[in-house]
């Protein structure tokens, strides 16, 4: 009988037992490394989730704290800036912890961040000047969100303020973005800081018209206007006299919200009385736009401080709507 042919060649060398043990050892090390990587990834993911949760909690905490500190005068700009700063600071710390958990050394991270910061700082000098100006604006508070300001040849209402730009809306509702460096380095006119403003109206009276009745009617008009303050009293004076006309001025104090309407009414009244001092069909004064125009004195403004502690409460006032509980019997 012929022998059956073998599948394995006669000259083939079988793997040694030492090689099999080495392969098993390498596979074991690989499985151990893979397990450690899986554990590190799970821990890093957990740290990342906790970081974002703590960042959100810290952001809300900063906003609530500043809202309680500025309870009587809330500041949305400071609250938004502080909450964002707390959130991003905690996220940065959490990312460093995640990288350390994955095996990246913190010293190398700091070195890379330092080199990147130097390169970015040299490339973005203008942006960094805007950031520095934004920080100074947030510290000294020359204006806040909602104020009407004029700066860099632009006038409008402040809509938002961040570290780079100040957004204002012009009276014709055009969005204007102004870099903070230009705002902080220029003259800033804030029309909303003081609660009262003085209205100056110059008007001309022809020489053919008697000037004295015109001045008397203008004074009566100012004294009977509820929007115009009685203290200081309205002031009327003659500022110029020529061969054709006499120029006079009326100066009155009013609430900042009524500045435009009061000035318009006085200009219209002066124009009508300059033609006929005895006319009686003058338009009535318009209603006031100010919430409380009376308490503030001229030039008085509120100081916008970053941190202002609330006044201590001396005692709670009893609510008349709540019934008091009867005294306990002894």
Foldseek 3Di string as FASTA:
>chain_A
DDDDDDPDDPPDDDDDPVVVVVVVVVVVVVVVVVVLQVVLVVVLVVLQVVLQVVLQVQLVVQLVVQCQQVVVHRAPQLSVAVSVVSSVVSNVVSVLVSVVSNPDDSVVVVVVVVVVVVVVCVVPVVQVLLLVLLVVCLAQVPDGAQWWKAFPNATAGFHHGDSFWTWGAGPVGDIDTDGSNRRSVTDMGTLPFAFKDKAKDKDKAFPVDDVVLLVVVLQVLQVPAPQWDPVVHKDKDWDDDDPTITMIMIMTMGTSQCRVQVNVLSNVSSVVCSVPSPDDPRDHRDDDPDPDIPDGDPPDGDRDHSGHGDDDDPDDDDDPVDDDDDDDDD
